Amino acid sequence: FVLGLVSRAMIMGIAALSLDLILGYGAMVSFGHA
């Protein structure tokens, strides 16, 4: 359970990383990133 939960958190981290590239550095607020 713990490995699955933290794996999910890291996968969400990859998705958040990708959004930070355009949001944090490009000011592109995407509401369709999912």
Full PDB file with SEQRES, HELIX, SHEET, SSBOND, CRYST1, ORIGX, SCALE, CONECT and MASTER records, all heavy atoms in Angstrom:
SEQRES   1 A   34  PHE VAL LEU GLY LEU VAL SER ARG ALA MET ILE MET GLY          
SEQRES   2 A   34  ILE ALA ALA LEU SER LEU ASP LEU ILE LEU GLY TYR GLY          
SEQRES   3 A   34  ALA MET VAL SER PHE GLY HIS ALA                              
HELIX    1 AA1 VAL A    2  LEU A   23  1                                  22    
CRYST1    1.000    1.000    1.000  90.00  90.00  90.00 P 1           1          
ORIGX1      1.000000  0.000000  0.000000        0.00000                         
ORIGX2      0.000000  1.000000  0.000000        0.00000                         
ORIGX3      0.000000  0.000000  1.000000        0.00000                         
SCALE1      1.000000  0.000000  0.000000        0.00000                         
SCALE2      0.000000  1.000000  0.000000        0.00000                         
SCALE3      0.000000  0.000000  1.000000        0.00000                         
ATOM      1  N   PHE A   1       0.823  -1.205   0.000  1.00  0.00           N  
ATOM      2  CA  PHE A   1       0.000   0.000   0.000  1.00  0.00           C  
ATOM      3  C   PHE A   1       0.862   1.262   0.000  1.00  0.00           C  
ATOM      4  O   PHE A   1       0.596   2.212  -0.750  1.00  0.00           O  
ATOM      5  CB  PHE A   1      -0.926   0.014   1.217  1.00  0.00           C  
ATOM      6  CG  PHE A   1      -1.663   1.311   1.400  1.00  0.00           C  
ATOM      7  CD1 PHE A   1      -2.759   1.610   0.608  1.00  0.00           C  
ATOM      8  CD2 PHE A   1      -1.246   2.238   2.351  1.00  0.00           C  
ATOM      9  CE1 PHE A   1      -3.447   2.817   0.771  1.00  0.00           C  
ATOM     10  CE2 PHE A   1      -1.915   3.443   2.514  1.00  0.00           C  
ATOM     11  CZ  PHE A   1      -3.013   3.729   1.716  1.00  0.00           C  
ATOM     12  N   VAL A   2       1.884   1.287   0.825  1.00  0.00           N  
ATOM     13  CA  VAL A   2       2.748   2.470   0.917  1.00  0.00           C  
ATOM     14  C   VAL A   2       3.482   2.694  -0.401  1.00  0.00           C  
ATOM     15  O   VAL A   2       3.561   3.828  -0.897  1.00  0.00           O  
ATOM     16  CB  VAL A   2       3.748   2.310   2.077  1.00  0.00           C  
ATOM     17  CG1 VAL A   2       4.744   3.475   2.087  1.00  0.00           C  
ATOM     18  CG2 VAL A   2       3.019   2.221   3.406  1.00  0.00           C  
ATOM     19  N   LEU A   3       4.019   1.615  -0.983  1.00  0.00           N  
ATOM     20  CA  LEU A   3       4.737   1.747  -2.248  1.00  0.00           C  
ATOM     21  C   LEU A   3       3.806   2.260  -3.349  1.00  0.00           C  
ATOM     22  O   LEU A   3       4.189   3.099  -4.165  1.00  0.00           O  
ATOM     23  CB  LEU A   3       5.354   0.410  -2.656  1.00  0.00           C  
ATOM     24  CG  LEU A   3       6.458  -0.133  -1.743  1.00  0.00           C  
ATOM     25  CD1 LEU A   3       6.997  -1.449  -2.300  1.00  0.00           C  
ATOM     26  CD2 LEU A   3       7.589   0.874  -1.601  1.00  0.00           C  
ATOM     27  N   GLY A   4       2.574   1.757  -3.353  1.00  0.00           N  
ATOM     28  CA  GLY A   4       1.611   2.205  -4.356  1.00  0.00           C  
ATOM     29  C   GLY A   4       1.236   3.665  -4.176  1.00  0.00           C  
ATOM     30  O   GLY A   4       1.133   4.422  -5.151  1.00  0.00           O  
ATOM     31  N   LEU A   5       1.055   4.077  -2.912  1.00  0.00           N  
ATOM     32  CA  LEU A   5       0.670   5.454  -2.624  1.00  0.00           C  
ATOM     33  C   LEU A   5       1.782   6.423  -3.016  1.00  0.00           C  
ATOM     34  O   LEU A   5       1.529   7.442  -3.674  1.00  0.00           O  
ATOM     35  CB  LEU A   5       0.351   5.603  -1.134  1.00  0.00           C  
ATOM     36  CG  LEU A   5       0.030   7.017  -0.644  1.00  0.00           C  
ATOM     37  CD1 LEU A   5      -1.185   7.581  -1.365  1.00  0.00           C  
ATOM     38  CD2 LEU A   5      -0.185   7.012   0.864  1.00  0.00           C  
ATOM     39  N   VAL A   6       3.005   6.115  -2.629  1.00  0.00           N  
ATOM     40  CA  VAL A   6       4.121   7.013  -2.947  1.00  0.00           C  
ATOM     41  C   VAL A   6       4.419   6.985  -4.441  1.00  0.00           C  
ATOM     42  O   VAL A   6       4.800   8.009  -5.027  1.00  0.00           O  
ATOM     43  CB  VAL A   6       5.366   6.653  -2.121  1.00  0.00           C  
ATOM     44  CG1 VAL A   6       6.514   7.618  -2.424  1.00  0.00           C  
ATOM     45  CG2 VAL A   6       5.053   6.685  -0.632  1.00  0.00           C  
ATOM     46  N   SER A   7       4.233   5.826  -5.094  1.00  0.00           N  
ATOM     47  CA  SER A   7       4.400   5.760  -6.551  1.00  0.00           C  
ATOM     48  C   SER A   7       3.396   6.690  -7.238  1.00  0.00           C  
ATOM     49  O   SER A   7       3.743   7.407  -8.183  1.00  0.00           O  
ATOM     50  CB  SER A   7       4.202   4.326  -7.053  1.00  0.00           C  
ATOM     51  OG  SER A   7       5.225   3.475  -6.586  1.00  0.00           O  
ATOM     52  N   ARG A   8       2.162   6.683  -6.744  1.00  0.00           N  
ATOM     53  CA  ARG A   8       1.152   7.581  -7.317  1.00  0.00           C  
ATOM     54  C   ARG A   8       1.543   9.036  -7.099  1.00  0.00           C  
ATOM     55  O   ARG A   8       1.377   9.877  -7.993  1.00  0.00           O  
ATOM     56  CB  ARG A   8      -0.213   7.295  -6.686  1.00  0.00           C  
ATOM     57  CG  ARG A   8      -1.324   8.224  -7.158  1.00  0.00           C  
ATOM     58  CD  ARG A   8      -2.679   7.606  -6.935  1.00  0.00           C  
ATOM     59  NE  ARG A   8      -2.955   7.352  -5.541  1.00  0.00           N  
ATOM     60  CZ  ARG A   8      -3.550   8.232  -4.719  1.00  0.00           C  
ATOM     61  NH1 ARG A   8      -3.915   9.420  -5.181  1.00  0.00           N  
ATOM     62  NH2 ARG A   8      -3.788   7.920  -3.462  1.00  0.00           N  
ATOM     63  N   ALA A   9       2.077   9.336  -5.910  1.00  0.00           N  
ATOM     64  CA  ALA A   9       2.508  10.706  -5.629  1.00  0.00           C  
ATOM     65  C   ALA A   9       3.635  11.127  -6.567  1.00  0.00           C  
ATOM     66  O   ALA A   9       3.667  12.265  -7.054  1.00  0.00           O  
ATOM     67  CB  ALA A   9       2.954  10.817  -4.174  1.00  0.00           C  
ATOM     68  N   MET A  10       4.562  10.218  -6.861  1.00  0.00           N  
ATOM     69  CA  MET A  10       5.673  10.548  -7.754  1.00  0.00           C  
ATOM     70  C   MET A  10       5.188  10.717  -9.189  1.00  0.00           C  
ATOM     71  O   MET A  10       5.694  11.576  -9.924  1.00  0.00           O  
ATOM     72  CB  MET A  10       6.753   9.466  -7.668  1.00  0.00           C  
ATOM     73  CG  MET A  10       7.511   9.460  -6.358  1.00  0.00           C  
ATOM     74  SD  MET A  10       8.990   8.409  -6.399  1.00  0.00           S  
ATOM     75  CE  MET A  10       8.251   6.771  -6.576  1.00  0.00           C  
ATOM     76  N   ILE A  11       4.218   9.906  -9.602  1.00  0.00           N  
ATOM     77  CA  ILE A  11       3.663  10.061 -10.951  1.00  0.00           C  
ATOM     78  C   ILE A  11       2.971  11.409 -11.077  1.00  0.00           C  
ATOM     79  O   ILE A  11       3.106  12.109 -12.095  1.00  0.00           O  
ATOM     80  CB  ILE A  11       2.699   8.908 -11.266  1.00  0.00           C  
ATOM     81  CG1 ILE A  11       3.474   7.590 -11.370  1.00  0.00           C  
ATOM     82  CG2 ILE A  11       1.928   9.174 -12.561  1.00  0.00           C  
ATOM     83  CD1 ILE A  11       2.594   6.358 -11.472  1.00  0.00           C  
ATOM     84  N   MET A  12       2.220  11.789 -10.039  1.00  0.00           N  
ATOM     85  CA  MET A  12       1.622  13.123 -10.031  1.00  0.00           C  
ATOM     86  C   MET A  12       2.715  14.197 -10.030  1.00  0.00           C  
ATOM     87  O   MET A  12       2.533  15.281 -10.589  1.00  0.00           O  
ATOM     88  CB  MET A  12       0.734  13.294  -8.807  1.00  0.00           C  
ATOM     89  CG  MET A  12      -0.513  12.409  -8.785  1.00  0.00           C  
ATOM     90  SD  MET A  12      -1.646  12.729 -10.174  1.00  0.00           S  
ATOM     91  CE  MET A  12      -1.259  11.330 -11.235  1.00  0.00           C  
ATOM     92  N   GLY A  13       3.853  13.875  -9.416  1.00  0.00           N  
ATOM     93  CA  GLY A  13       4.983  14.800  -9.429  1.00  0.00           C  
ATOM     94  C   GLY A  13       5.518  15.010 -10.834  1.00  0.00           C  
ATOM     95  O   GLY A  13       5.906  16.132 -11.199  1.00  0.00           O  
ATOM     96  N   ILE A  14       5.570  13.957 -11.637  1.00  0.00           N  
ATOM     97  CA  ILE A  14       6.007  14.092 -13.033  1.00  0.00           C  
ATOM     98  C   ILE A  14       5.043  14.988 -13.806  1.00  0.00           C  
ATOM     99  O   ILE A  14       5.457  15.868 -14.562  1.00  0.00           O  
ATOM    100  CB  ILE A  14       6.110  12.706 -13.695  1.00  0.00           C  
ATOM    101  CG1 ILE A  14       7.173  11.853 -12.997  1.00  0.00           C  
ATOM    102  CG2 ILE A  14       6.436  12.844 -15.191  1.00  0.00           C  
ATOM    103  CD1 ILE A  14       7.223  10.413 -13.480  1.00  0.00           C  
ATOM    104  N   ALA A  15       3.735  14.756 -13.600  1.00  0.00           N  
ATOM    105  CA  ALA A  15       2.734  15.588 -14.272  1.00  0.00           C  
ATOM    106  C   ALA A  15       2.834  17.045 -13.809  1.00  0.00           C  
ATOM    107  O   ALA A  15       2.726  17.971 -14.628  1.00  0.00           O  
ATOM    108  CB  ALA A  15       1.335  15.042 -13.993  1.00  0.00           C  
ATOM    109  N   ALA A  16       3.043  17.262 -12.504  1.00  0.00           N  
ATOM    110  CA  ALA A  16       3.175  18.623 -11.987  1.00  0.00           C  
ATOM    111  C   ALA A  16       4.443  19.293 -12.510  1.00  0.00           C  
ATOM    112  O   ALA A  16       4.452  20.493 -12.803  1.00  0.00           O  
ATOM    113  CB  ALA A  16       3.175  18.599 -10.456  1.00  0.00           C  
ATOM    114  N   LEU A  17       5.519  18.527 -12.641  1.00  0.00           N  
ATOM    115  CA  LEU A  17       6.757  19.043 -13.227  1.00  0.00           C  
ATOM    116  C   LEU A  17       6.502  19.582 -14.638  1.00  0.00           C  
ATOM    117  O   LEU A  17       6.961  20.670 -14.996  1.00  0.00           O  
ATOM    118  CB  LEU A  17       7.808  17.934 -13.304  1.00  0.00           C  
ATOM    119  CG  LEU A  17       8.805  17.765 -12.167  1.00  0.00           C  
ATOM    120  CD1 LEU A  17       9.697  16.575 -12.460  1.00  0.00           C  
ATOM    121  CD2 LEU A  17       9.649  19.012 -11.978  1.00  0.00           C  
ATOM    122  N   SER A  18       5.791  18.786 -15.426  1.00  0.00           N  
ATOM    123  CA  SER A  18       5.516  19.188 -16.804  1.00  0.00           C  
ATOM    124  C   SER A  18       4.690  20.470 -16.848  1.00  0.00           C  
ATOM    125  O   SER A  18       4.912  21.338 -17.700  1.00  0.00           O  
ATOM    126  CB  SER A  18       4.790  18.063 -17.554  1.00  0.00           C  
ATOM    127  OG  SER A  18       3.480  17.853 -17.040  1.00  0.00           O  
ATOM    128  N   LEU A  19       3.747  20.615 -15.915  1.00  0.00           N  
ATOM    129  CA  LEU A  19       2.938  21.827 -15.870  1.00  0.00           C  
ATOM    130  C   LEU A  19       3.762  23.021 -15.399  1.00  0.00           C  
ATOM    131  O   LEU A  19       3.571  24.149 -15.878  1.00  0.00           O  
ATOM    132  CB  LEU A  19       1.732  21.627 -14.951  1.00  0.00           C  
ATOM    133  CG  LEU A  19       0.797  22.832 -14.789  1.00  0.00           C  
ATOM    134  CD1 LEU A  19       0.206  23.243 -16.132  1.00  0.00           C  
ATOM    135  CD2 LEU A  19      -0.313  22.523 -13.797  1.00  0.00           C  
ATOM    136  N   ASP A  20       4.689  22.795 -14.476  1.00  0.00           N  
ATOM    137  CA  ASP A  20       5.505  23.892 -13.960  1.00  0.00           C  
ATOM    138  C   ASP A  20       6.352  24.516 -15.057  1.00  0.00           C  
ATOM    139  O   ASP A  20       6.664  25.715 -15.004  1.00  0.00           O  
ATOM    140  CB  ASP A  20       6.399  23.389 -12.821  1.00  0.00           C  
ATOM    141  CG  ASP A  20       6.987  24.528 -11.996  1.00  0.00           C  
ATOM    142  OD1 ASP A  20       6.391  25.623 -11.992  1.00  0.00           O  
ATOM    143  OD2 ASP A  20       8.038  24.330 -11.370  1.00  0.00           O  
ATOM    144  N   LEU A  21       6.746  23.736 -16.051  1.00  0.00           N  
ATOM    145  CA  LEU A  21       7.532  24.282 -17.160  1.00  0.00           C  
ATOM    146  C   LEU A  21       6.776  25.394 -17.870  1.00  0.00           C  
ATOM    147  O   LEU A  21       7.339  26.445 -18.164  1.00  0.00           O  
ATOM    148  CB  LEU A  21       7.894  23.170 -18.149  1.00  0.00           C  
ATOM    149  CG  LEU A  21       8.623  23.629 -19.414  1.00  0.00           C  
ATOM    150  CD1 LEU A  21       9.997  24.198 -19.075  1.00  0.00           C  
ATOM    151  CD2 LEU A  21       8.748  22.481 -20.418  1.00  0.00           C  
ATOM    152  N   ILE A  22       5.492  25.172 -18.145  1.00  0.00           N  
ATOM    153  CA  ILE A  22       4.725  26.178 -18.886  1.00  0.00           C  
ATOM    154  C   ILE A  22       4.054  27.189 -17.964  1.00  0.00           C  
ATOM    155  O   ILE A  22       3.845  28.340 -18.349  1.00  0.00           O  
ATOM    156  CB  ILE A  22       3.676  25.516 -19.805  1.00  0.00           C  
ATOM    157  CG1 ILE A  22       2.676  24.680 -19.001  1.00  0.00           C  
ATOM    158  CG2 ILE A  22       4.369  24.670 -20.857  1.00  0.00           C  
ATOM    159  CD1 ILE A  22       1.536  24.120 -19.841  1.00  0.00           C  
ATOM    160  N   LEU A  23       3.742  26.786 -16.732  1.00  0.00           N  
ATOM    161  CA  LEU A  23       3.075  27.693 -15.800  1.00  0.00           C  
ATOM    162  C   LEU A  23       4.074  28.561 -15.054  1.00  0.00           C  
ATOM    163  O   LEU A  23       3.953  29.790 -15.014  1.00  0.00           O  
ATOM    164  CB  LEU A  23       2.225  26.892 -14.809  1.00  0.00           C  
ATOM    165  CG  LEU A  23       1.509  27.672 -13.708  1.00  0.00           C  
ATOM    166  CD1 LEU A  23       0.578  28.713 -14.306  1.00  0.00           C  
ATOM    167  CD2 LEU A  23       0.743  26.733 -12.788  1.00  0.00           C  
ATOM    168  N   GLY A  24       5.082  27.943 -14.467  1.00  0.00           N  
ATOM    169  CA  GLY A  24       6.044  28.685 -13.666  1.00  0.00           C  
ATOM    170  C   GLY A  24       7.035  29.487 -14.477  1.00  0.00           C  
ATOM    171  O   GLY A  24       7.480  30.551 -14.036  1.00  0.00           O  
ATOM    172  N   TYR A  25       7.396  28.985 -15.665  1.00  0.00           N  
ATOM    173  CA  TYR A  25       8.406  29.662 -16.473  1.00  0.00           C  
ATOM    174  C   TYR A  25       7.827  30.346 -17.708  1.00  0.00           C  
ATOM    175  O   TYR A  25       8.496  31.193 -18.304  1.00  0.00           O  
ATOM    176  CB  TYR A  25       9.482  28.663 -16.910  1.00  0.00           C  
ATOM    177  CG  TYR A  25      10.260  28.104 -15.746  1.00  0.00           C  
ATOM    178  CD1 TYR A  25       9.899  26.897 -15.151  1.00  0.00           C  
ATOM    179  CD2 TYR A  25      11.352  28.785 -15.225  1.00  0.00           C  
ATOM    180  CE1 TYR A  25      10.608  26.383 -14.078  1.00  0.00           C  
ATOM    181  CE2 TYR A  25      12.072  28.283 -14.150  1.00  0.00           C  
ATOM    182  CZ  TYR A  25      11.691  27.083 -13.576  1.00  0.00           C  
ATOM    183  OH  TYR A  25      12.387  26.591 -12.514  1.00  0.00           O  
ATOM    184  N   GLY A  26       6.610  29.981 -18.100  1.00  0.00           N  
ATOM    185  CA  GLY A  26       6.024  30.580 -19.285  1.00  0.00           C  
ATOM    186  C   GLY A  26       4.717  31.299 -19.041  1.00  0.00           C  
ATOM    187  O   GLY A  26       4.155  31.870 -19.980  1.00  0.00           O  
ATOM    188  N   ALA A  27       4.222  31.292 -17.802  1.00  0.00           N  
ATOM    189  CA  ALA A  27       2.961  31.959 -17.436  1.00  0.00           C  
ATOM    190  C   ALA A  27       1.792  31.473 -18.280  1.00  0.00           C  
ATOM    191  O   ALA A  27       0.909  32.254 -18.620  1.00  0.00           O  
ATOM    192  CB  ALA A  27       3.104  33.483 -17.553  1.00  0.00           C  
ATOM    193  N   MET A  28       1.783  30.183 -18.619  1.00  0.00           N  
ATOM    194  CA  MET A  28       0.690  29.593 -19.394  1.00  0.00           C  
ATOM    195  C   MET A  28      -0.160  28.735 -18.458  1.00  0.00           C  
ATOM    196  O   MET A  28       0.231  27.633 -18.078  1.00  0.00           O  
ATOM    197  CB  MET A  28       1.244  28.753 -20.550  1.00  0.00           C  
ATOM    198  CG  MET A  28       1.934  29.555 -21.634  1.00  0.00           C  
ATOM    199  SD  MET A  28       2.692  28.515 -22.911  1.00  0.00           S  
ATOM    200  CE  MET A  28       4.344  28.285 -22.236  1.00  0.00           C  
ATOM    201  N   VAL A  29      -1.313  29.260 -18.071  1.00  0.00           N  
ATOM    202  CA  VAL A  29      -2.202  28.567 -17.138  1.00  0.00           C  
ATOM    203  C   VAL A  29      -3.106  27.637 -17.939  1.00  0.00           C  
ATOM    204  O   VAL A  29      -4.055  28.075 -18.579  1.00  0.00           O  
ATOM    205  CB  VAL A  29      -3.033  29.573 -16.327  1.00  0.00           C  
ATOM    206  CG1 VAL A  29      -3.884  28.831 -15.296  1.00  0.00           C  
ATOM    207  CG2 VAL A  29      -2.147  30.606 -15.657  1.00  0.00           C  
ATOM    208  N   SER A  30      -2.803  26.358 -17.895  1.00  0.00           N  
ATOM    209  CA  SER A  30      -3.556  25.373 -18.679  1.00  0.00           C  
ATOM    210  C   SER A  30      -4.551  24.630 -17.800  1.00  0.00           C  
ATOM    211  O   SER A  30      -4.155  23.975 -16.831  1.00  0.00           O  
ATOM    212  CB  SER A  30      -2.597  24.376 -19.336  1.00  0.00           C  
ATOM    213  OG  SER A  30      -3.311  23.327 -19.962  1.00  0.00           O  
ATOM    214  N   PHE A  31      -5.832  24.731 -18.148  1.00  0.00           N  
ATOM    215  CA  PHE A  31      -6.862  23.976 -17.443  1.00  0.00           C  
ATOM    216  C   PHE A  31      -7.255  22.726 -18.224  1.00  0.00           C  
ATOM    217  O   PHE A  31      -8.292  22.122 -17.937  1.00  0.00           O  
ATOM    218  CB  PHE A  31      -8.092  24.848 -17.187  1.00  0.00           C  
ATOM    219  CG  PHE A  31      -8.242  25.254 -15.752  1.00  0.00           C  
ATOM    220  CD1 PHE A  31      -7.778  26.487 -15.325  1.00  0.00           C  
ATOM    221  CD2 PHE A  31      -8.808  24.407 -14.829  1.00  0.00           C  
ATOM    222  CE1 PHE A  31      -7.903  26.869 -14.002  1.00  0.00           C  
ATOM    223  CE2 PHE A  31      -8.926  24.770 -13.500  1.00  0.00           C  
ATOM    224  CZ  PHE A  31      -8.472  26.013 -13.076  1.00  0.00           C  
ATOM    225  N   GLY A  32      -6.419  22.342 -19.174  1.00  0.00           N  
ATOM    226  CA  GLY A  32      -6.668  21.104 -19.906  1.00  0.00           C  
ATOM    227  C   GLY A  32      -5.481  20.171 -19.848  1.00  0.00           C  
ATOM    228  O   GLY A  32      -5.346  19.263 -20.665  1.00  0.00           O  
ATOM    229  N   HIS A  33      -4.599  20.401 -18.859  1.00  0.00           N  
ATOM    230  CA  HIS A  33      -3.354  19.630 -18.802  1.00  0.00           C  
ATOM    231  C   HIS A  33      -3.597  18.154 -18.520  1.00  0.00           C  
ATOM    232  O   HIS A  33      -2.806  17.302 -18.915  1.00  0.00           O  
ATOM    233  CB  HIS A  33      -2.429  20.221 -17.738  1.00  0.00           C  
ATOM    234  CG  HIS A  33      -0.984  19.934 -17.974  1.00  0.00           C  
ATOM    235  ND1 HIS A  33      -0.271  20.477 -19.027  1.00  0.00           N  
ATOM    236  CD2 HIS A  33      -0.107  19.144 -17.309  1.00  0.00           C  
ATOM    237  CE1 HIS A  33       0.967  20.042 -18.993  1.00  0.00           C  
ATOM    238  NE2 HIS A  33       1.099  19.225 -17.965  1.00  0.00           N  
ATOM    239  N   ALA A  34      -4.688  17.844 -17.825  1.00  0.00           N  
ATOM    240  CA  ALA A  34      -4.981  16.446 -17.516  1.00  0.00           C  
ATOM    241  C   ALA A  34      -5.259  15.630 -18.768  1.00  0.00           C  
ATOM    242  O   ALA A  34      -5.168  14.399 -18.734  1.00  0.00           O  
ATOM    243  CB  ALA A  34      -6.171  16.358 -16.568  1.00  0.00           C  
TER     244      ALA A  34                                                      
MASTER        0    0    0    1    0    0    0    6  243    1    0    3          
END                                                                             
